[in-house]
Amino acid sequence: MALKAPIHQFTETQSIQIASRDFFYISNILSVSRLITVPFIFYFIYREQWIHAIVCGAIAVITDLLDGFCARRLEQHTELGYILDPVADKLALFAAASALVLLKSSFPVWAFLVIVTRDVSILIGNGILAYKAKMITRSNLWGKCTSFFLSIAIMLYLLRPITPLLPENIEFYGLCLALVFVVISTVSYARHMFRMLKAHSQR
C-alpha cells in the first residue's frame, strides 16, 4: 500500500498495532474485497470459465490500484493495511498461477515455482523482521511493479483461450518481463531485511 514517502524507499513501523476501526477504512475494505476474490479466481480458471475469471482478475487489479490511492487521499495508512495489501496481492496471484498450472495450460511450472519461492521467502523474512525487530517492511516500487506485471501476464494467459488473435507468445514474453521484476524485487527486499536486522542487532 502506498505511503506519503517516495514509493522507492522502504519504510517500517516500530510497533504493530491494529485497531478495530481500521477494518472500516475504505482502503482496507478494498484489500479485503481482493482477498474475497481469491477462491473465485482459482475456481473460474480451473473450470475454464474464462470470462468470469477475467472479471474477477480485473476486480483484483482495480482494487489493488484503488486501495493505495484511497490510503493516500484519505490518509488511511494503517498497520492492518500494510499487512492486508501485500498478502491479498500474493494470494490472488498464487490462486491464478496455481490454477493455470493444475489446468496444464501453457503457463510454465518453473515460473510458478519461481513466483512461489519469492513470495514465501518475503513472507518468512517479514515474519522474522516483525518478530525480532517489531517492524513491518512495506511494499516498494519494485514490489508494486512485480505485482502489476505479473497480473498483466496472467490476464494475457486468461485471454488466450478466448482471444486467439493475440500476438503469438505475447503472454510468455509478458511473463518473462514480470519475472525480471520478481528477481529484482526479491534481491531488493532481501538486502533491506538483512540491513534492518543487522541494524537492530547492533542497538
Protein backbone atom coordinates (compact mmCIF):
# COMPACT_ATOMS: atom_id res chain seq x y z
CA MET A 1 0.00 0.00 0.00
CA ALA A 2 1.43 3.36 -0.98
CA LEU A 3 2.90 5.84 1.50
CA LYS A 4 3.45 9.56 1.68
CA ALA A 5 7.18 8.93 1.41
CA PRO A 6 8.59 8.20 -2.05
CA ILE A 7 7.49 4.74 -3.10
CA HIS A 8 11.04 3.63 -3.95
CA GLN A 9 12.02 3.90 -0.29
CA PHE A 10 11.45 1.19 2.27
CA THR A 11 9.78 2.30 5.50
CA GLU A 12 8.94 0.40 8.63
CA THR A 13 6.79 0.77 11.67
CA GLN A 14 8.28 0.20 15.09
CA SER A 15 5.05 -1.10 16.64
CA ILE A 16 2.42 -3.37 15.14
CA GLN A 17 -0.96 -2.11 16.29
CA ILE A 18 -4.32 -2.90 14.70
CA ALA A 19 -7.44 -1.05 15.86
CA SER A 20 -10.99 -2.25 15.20
CA ARG A 21 -11.74 0.97 13.27
CA ASP A 22 -9.03 0.03 10.75
CA PHE A 23 -11.34 -2.64 9.30
CA PHE A 24 -13.82 0.06 8.27
CA TYR A 25 -11.37 2.20 6.29
CA ILE A 26 -12.15 2.20 2.57
CA SER A 27 -8.58 1.25 1.67
CA ASN A 28 -8.71 -1.84 3.89
CA ILE A 29 -12.20 -2.79 2.71
CA LEU A 30 -10.81 -2.79 -0.83
CA SER A 31 -7.96 -5.07 0.26
CA VAL A 32 -10.42 -7.43 1.95
CA SER A 33 -12.57 -7.47 -1.20
CA ARG A 34 -9.48 -8.55 -3.13
CA LEU A 35 -8.99 -11.38 -0.66
CA ILE A 36 -12.58 -12.47 -1.27
CA THR A 37 -11.92 -12.80 -4.99
CA VAL A 38 -9.10 -15.32 -4.40
CA PRO A 39 -11.17 -18.55 -4.27
CA PHE A 40 -13.32 -17.36 -7.17
CA ILE A 41 -10.25 -16.64 -9.30
CA PHE A 42 -8.97 -20.15 -8.68
CA TYR A 43 -12.35 -21.80 -9.27
CA PHE A 44 -13.19 -19.98 -12.51
CA ILE A 45 -9.74 -20.59 -14.02
CA TYR A 46 -9.71 -24.25 -13.05
CA ARG A 47 -13.22 -24.69 -14.51
CA GLU A 48 -12.11 -22.82 -17.63
CA GLN A 49 -14.77 -20.17 -17.20
CA TRP A 50 -12.52 -17.56 -18.73
CA ILE A 51 -14.87 -14.57 -18.80
CA HIS A 52 -15.70 -14.96 -15.11
CA ALA A 53 -12.02 -15.44 -14.31
CA ILE A 54 -11.07 -12.29 -16.22
CA VAL A 55 -13.75 -10.27 -14.43
CA CYS A 56 -12.52 -11.47 -11.02
CA GLY A 57 -8.93 -10.77 -12.06
CA ALA A 58 -9.88 -7.28 -13.19
CA ILE A 59 -11.57 -6.64 -9.85
CA ALA A 60 -8.41 -7.74 -8.05
CA VAL A 61 -6.22 -5.42 -10.17
CA ILE A 62 -8.57 -2.44 -9.81
CA THR A 63 -8.93 -2.82 -6.04
CA ASP A 64 -5.14 -3.07 -5.78
CA LEU A 65 -4.80 0.27 -7.55
CA LEU A 66 -7.62 1.90 -5.60
CA ASP A 67 -6.62 0.88 -2.08
CA GLY A 68 -3.29 2.70 -2.36
CA PHE A 69 -5.00 5.74 -3.88
CA CYS A 70 -7.61 5.84 -1.11
CA ALA A 71 -4.98 5.37 1.58
CA ARG A 72 -3.09 8.40 0.27
CA ARG A 73 -6.06 10.67 -0.39
CA LEU A 74 -7.95 9.81 2.80
CA GLU A 75 -4.81 9.41 4.94
CA GLN A 76 -5.85 5.90 5.91
CA HIS A 77 -2.39 4.43 6.47
CA THR A 78 -2.74 1.59 8.98
CA GLU A 79 -0.72 -1.41 10.11
CA LEU A 80 -3.63 -3.59 9.02
CA GLY A 81 -3.39 -2.15 5.52
CA TYR A 82 0.35 -2.72 5.35
CA ILE A 83 -0.31 -6.40 6.06
CA LEU A 84 -3.51 -6.90 4.03
CA ASP A 85 -2.34 -5.29 0.81
CA PRO A 86 0.71 -7.46 0.01
CA VAL A 87 -0.96 -10.61 1.36
CA ALA A 88 -4.00 -10.05 -0.88
CA ASP A 89 -1.72 -9.44 -3.87
CA LYS A 90 0.27 -12.61 -3.29
CA LEU A 91 -2.76 -14.83 -2.67
CA ALA A 92 -4.59 -13.58 -5.77
CA LEU A 93 -1.54 -14.17 -7.96
CA PHE A 94 -0.91 -17.56 -6.37
CA ALA A 95 -4.54 -18.62 -6.93
CA ALA A 96 -4.40 -17.68 -10.61
CA ALA A 97 -0.98 -19.18 -11.31
CA SER A 98 -1.67 -22.43 -9.43
CA ALA A 99 -4.98 -22.91 -11.24
CA LEU A 100 -3.27 -22.41 -14.61
CA VAL A 101 -0.61 -24.96 -13.67
CA LEU A 102 -3.14 -27.53 -12.41
CA LEU A 103 -5.12 -27.00 -15.58
CA LYS A 104 -1.97 -27.94 -17.53
CA SER A 105 -2.14 -24.74 -19.54
CA SER A 106 0.87 -23.18 -21.23
CA PHE A 107 1.79 -21.37 -18.01
CA PRO A 108 5.27 -22.72 -17.15
CA VAL A 109 5.60 -24.74 -13.94
CA TRP A 110 9.11 -23.38 -13.41
CA ALA A 111 7.75 -19.80 -13.48
CA PHE A 112 5.11 -20.75 -10.91
CA LEU A 113 7.84 -22.18 -8.65
CA VAL A 114 9.91 -19.00 -9.00
CA ILE A 115 6.92 -16.86 -8.00
CA VAL A 116 6.01 -19.07 -5.04
CA THR A 117 9.62 -19.20 -3.82
CA ARG A 118 9.85 -15.42 -3.95
CA ASP A 119 6.56 -14.85 -2.12
CA VAL A 120 7.24 -17.44 0.58
CA SER A 121 10.72 -16.02 1.14
CA ILE A 122 9.38 -12.48 1.54
CA LEU A 123 6.63 -13.62 3.92
CA ILE A 124 9.14 -15.55 6.05
CA GLY A 125 11.53 -12.61 6.01
CA ASN A 126 8.78 -10.22 7.08
CA GLY A 127 7.76 -12.64 9.82
CA ILE A 128 11.32 -12.74 11.15
CA LEU A 129 11.61 -8.95 10.92
CA ALA A 130 8.30 -8.49 12.75
CA TYR A 131 9.27 -10.99 15.47
CA LYS A 132 12.80 -9.80 16.10
CA ALA A 133 12.67 -6.09 15.31
CA LYS A 134 8.92 -5.37 15.62
CA MET A 135 8.97 -3.92 12.11
CA ILE A 136 6.86 -4.37 9.01
CA THR A 137 8.52 -3.83 5.64
CA ARG A 138 6.10 -2.14 3.29
CA SER A 139 5.96 -2.56 -0.47
CA ASN A 140 8.43 -0.52 -2.52
CA LEU A 141 8.44 0.34 -6.21
CA TRP A 142 9.95 -3.00 -7.26
CA GLY A 143 7.34 -4.94 -5.31
CA LYS A 144 4.44 -2.99 -6.78
CA CYS A 145 5.86 -3.33 -10.29
CA THR A 146 6.21 -7.07 -9.76
CA SER A 147 2.57 -7.44 -8.75
CA PHE A 148 1.41 -5.26 -11.65
CA PHE A 149 3.36 -7.03 -14.39
CA LEU A 150 2.53 -10.48 -13.02
CA SER A 151 -1.14 -9.50 -13.05
CA ILE A 152 -0.89 -8.35 -16.67
CA ALA A 153 0.93 -11.53 -17.70
CA ILE A 154 -1.67 -13.75 -16.05
CA MET A 155 -4.51 -11.77 -17.63
CA LEU A 156 -2.90 -12.43 -21.03
CA TYR A 157 -2.87 -16.16 -20.27
CA LEU A 158 -6.58 -15.92 -19.40
CA LEU A 159 -7.33 -14.03 -22.60
CA ARG A 160 -5.52 -16.50 -24.87
CA PRO A 161 -8.31 -19.17 -24.96
CA ILE A 162 -10.96 -16.62 -25.94
CA THR A 163 -8.80 -14.23 -27.97
CA PRO A 164 -6.78 -16.28 -30.46
CA LEU A 165 -5.81 -13.10 -32.34
CA LEU A 166 -3.39 -12.10 -29.58
CA PRO A 167 0.18 -11.81 -30.88
CA GLU A 168 1.98 -15.14 -30.72
CA ASN A 169 3.64 -15.86 -27.36
CA ILE A 170 2.82 -12.40 -26.01
CA GLU A 171 1.71 -13.92 -22.71
CA PHE A 172 5.05 -15.69 -22.32
CA TYR A 173 7.00 -12.54 -23.11
CA GLY A 174 4.86 -10.66 -20.60
CA LEU A 175 5.61 -13.33 -18.02
CA CYS A 176 9.35 -13.10 -18.70
CA LEU A 177 9.21 -9.34 -18.15
CA ALA A 178 7.33 -9.88 -14.88
CA LEU A 179 9.91 -12.43 -13.75
CA VAL A 180 12.66 -9.85 -14.22
CA PHE A 181 10.86 -7.74 -11.63
CA VAL A 182 10.39 -10.83 -9.45
CA VAL A 183 14.16 -11.28 -9.26
CA ILE A 184 14.89 -7.58 -8.74
CA SER A 185 12.27 -7.19 -6.01
CA THR A 186 13.48 -10.35 -4.24
CA VAL A 187 17.04 -9.05 -4.11
CA SER A 188 15.79 -5.61 -3.04
CA TYR A 189 13.69 -6.99 -0.18
CA ALA A 190 16.41 -9.41 0.96
CA ARG A 191 19.09 -6.72 1.10
CA HIS A 192 16.82 -4.38 3.01
CA MET A 193 15.67 -7.01 5.51
CA PHE A 194 19.22 -8.10 6.28
CA ARG A 195 20.20 -4.46 6.71
CA MET A 196 17.34 -3.84 9.13
CA LEU A 197 18.06 -6.97 11.14
CA LYS A 198 21.73 -6.06 11.36
CA ALA A 199 20.90 -2.52 12.48
CA HIS A 200 18.50 -3.87 15.12
CA SER A 201 21.06 -6.36 16.48
CA GLN A 202 23.61 -3.57 16.91
CA ARG A 203 21.35 -1.45 19.11
